[in-house]
Amino acid sequence: QGQLVESGGGLVQPGGSLRLSCVASGRNFSGGIMVWYRQAPGKRRELIAAIDSAGTASLESSVEGGLNLSRVNAKDTVTMFLDMTNLKPDDTAVYYCHTKDLVREYWGQGTQVTVAS
């Protein structure tokens, strides 16, 4: 049974950086598109970045600061990284990773990112 587990969130000052990780395991996710979403308090969940199996990334321009997305396909796991720089208070949110296969969708539990001085 597949699962996604995010990590790397925390409290960071404005202008700081964070690296979020998402480990997908339990099924063969290597051929699928993996996606980062985030949900800020009182707002809808929004897609911020996606990466396909070849490592081609698509980033949403609405995100404050800078983003870099990468993934590593291993035998039994896929790890996706989201590097965020120059973070702003508006980047405060719970960040989720997502993927799907022919059977169902998969979501991680989320990791909290708080940008505050």
Protein backbone atom coordinates (compact mmCIF):
# COMPACT_ATOMS: atom_id res chain seq x y z
CA GLN A 1 0.00 0.00 0.00
CA GLY A 2 1.48 3.28 -1.05
CA GLN A 3 2.17 6.22 1.19
CA LEU A 4 3.68 9.68 1.00
CA VAL A 5 5.56 11.24 3.90
CA GLU A 6 6.60 14.88 3.94
CA SER A 7 9.28 16.43 6.14
CA GLY A 8 11.40 19.54 6.42
CA GLY A 9 8.88 22.13 7.50
CA GLY A 10 9.40 24.50 10.38
CA LEU A 11 9.70 28.11 11.46
CA VAL A 12 11.87 30.32 9.30
CA GLN A 13 12.47 34.05 9.23
CA PRO A 14 11.44 36.13 6.22
CA GLY A 15 14.09 35.84 3.55
CA GLY A 16 15.13 32.41 4.77
CA SER A 17 15.18 29.06 3.00
CA LEU A 18 13.81 25.58 3.54
CA ARG A 19 14.05 22.23 1.83
CA LEU A 20 10.94 20.07 1.96
CA SER A 21 11.09 16.37 1.20
CA CYS A 22 8.43 13.89 0.19
CA VAL A 23 9.15 10.18 0.22
CA ALA A 24 6.78 7.98 -1.76
CA SER A 25 6.92 4.27 -1.00
CA GLY A 26 4.93 1.09 -0.98
CA ARG A 27 4.07 1.13 -4.68
CA ASN A 28 5.88 1.87 -7.90
CA PHE A 29 5.60 5.65 -8.17
CA SER A 30 8.61 6.15 -10.39
CA GLY A 31 6.60 6.73 -13.54
CA GLY A 32 4.13 9.21 -12.14
CA ILE A 33 3.89 12.96 -11.82
CA MET A 34 4.46 14.19 -8.29
CA VAL A 35 3.00 17.45 -7.09
CA TRP A 36 3.38 19.89 -4.21
CA TYR A 37 0.32 21.71 -2.92
CA ARG A 38 -0.03 24.10 -0.07
CA GLN A 39 -2.92 25.36 2.01
CA ALA A 40 -2.70 28.58 3.95
CA PRO A 41 -5.05 29.31 6.85
CA GLY A 42 -8.51 30.14 5.56
CA LYS A 43 -7.57 29.52 1.95
CA ARG A 44 -8.08 26.76 -0.58
CA ARG A 45 -5.39 24.22 -1.30
CA GLU A 46 -3.33 25.35 -4.27
CA LEU A 47 -0.91 23.60 -6.58
CA ILE A 48 2.55 25.13 -6.52
CA ALA A 49 4.89 22.74 -8.32
CA ALA A 50 4.89 19.48 -10.26
CA ILE A 51 7.58 17.20 -11.62
CA ASP A 52 7.31 14.30 -14.04
CA SER A 53 9.21 11.03 -14.08
CA ALA A 54 11.95 12.49 -16.28
CA GLY A 55 12.57 15.32 -13.84
CA THR A 56 10.91 18.08 -15.83
CA ALA A 57 9.49 20.56 -13.35
CA SER A 58 6.66 23.04 -13.62
CA LEU A 59 6.52 25.87 -11.07
CA GLU A 60 3.66 28.25 -10.36
CA SER A 61 4.66 31.87 -10.79
CA SER A 62 2.29 32.98 -8.05
CA VAL A 63 4.57 31.62 -5.36
CA GLU A 64 6.51 34.21 -3.38
CA GLY A 65 10.26 33.85 -3.35
CA GLY A 66 12.07 31.17 -5.32
CA LEU A 67 11.39 27.49 -5.92
CA ASN A 68 13.42 24.58 -7.18
CA LEU A 69 11.97 21.11 -7.60
CA SER A 70 13.78 17.82 -8.03
CA ARG A 71 13.21 14.11 -7.56
CA VAL A 72 15.18 10.94 -7.12
CA ASN A 73 13.73 7.67 -8.41
CA ALA A 74 15.13 4.71 -6.50
CA LYS A 75 14.21 1.05 -6.67
CA ASP A 76 11.50 1.10 -4.01
CA THR A 77 10.98 4.80 -3.33
CA VAL A 78 10.68 8.15 -5.00
CA THR A 79 11.90 11.21 -3.13
CA MET A 80 10.82 14.67 -4.19
CA PHE A 81 12.51 17.82 -2.94
CA LEU A 82 11.14 21.34 -2.86
CA ASP A 83 13.78 23.99 -2.24
CA MET A 84 12.26 27.31 -1.25
CA THR A 85 14.28 30.52 -0.97
CA ASN A 86 13.54 34.11 -0.02
CA LEU A 87 10.47 33.00 1.89
CA LYS A 88 7.76 35.51 2.72
CA PRO A 89 5.09 35.48 5.43
CA ASP A 90 2.53 34.72 2.71
CA ASP A 91 4.31 31.41 2.16
CA THR A 92 3.09 30.25 5.56
CA ALA A 93 1.00 27.15 4.92
CA VAL A 94 0.79 23.41 5.26
CA TYR A 95 2.63 21.84 2.34
CA TYR A 96 1.38 18.56 0.92
CA CYS A 97 2.74 16.20 -1.68
CA HIS A 98 0.47 14.27 -4.01
CA THR A 99 0.60 11.65 -6.68
CA LYS A 100 -1.70 9.12 -8.23
CA ASP A 101 -1.66 5.84 -10.09
CA LEU A 102 -4.28 3.92 -12.01
CA VAL A 103 -6.03 2.94 -8.79
CA ARG A 104 -6.19 6.00 -6.58
CA GLU A 105 -4.74 9.28 -5.42
CA TYR A 106 -2.21 9.57 -2.63
CA TRP A 107 -1.67 12.45 -0.23
CA GLY A 108 0.88 12.97 2.48
CA GLN A 109 -0.03 14.22 5.94
CA GLY A 110 1.47 17.64 5.28
CA THR A 111 4.32 19.60 6.79
CA GLN A 112 3.85 23.03 8.35
CA VAL A 113 5.92 25.95 7.09
CA THR A 114 5.74 29.15 9.11
CA VAL A 115 7.52 32.28 7.93
CA ALA A 116 7.73 34.85 10.72
CA SER A 117 10.27 37.06 12.45
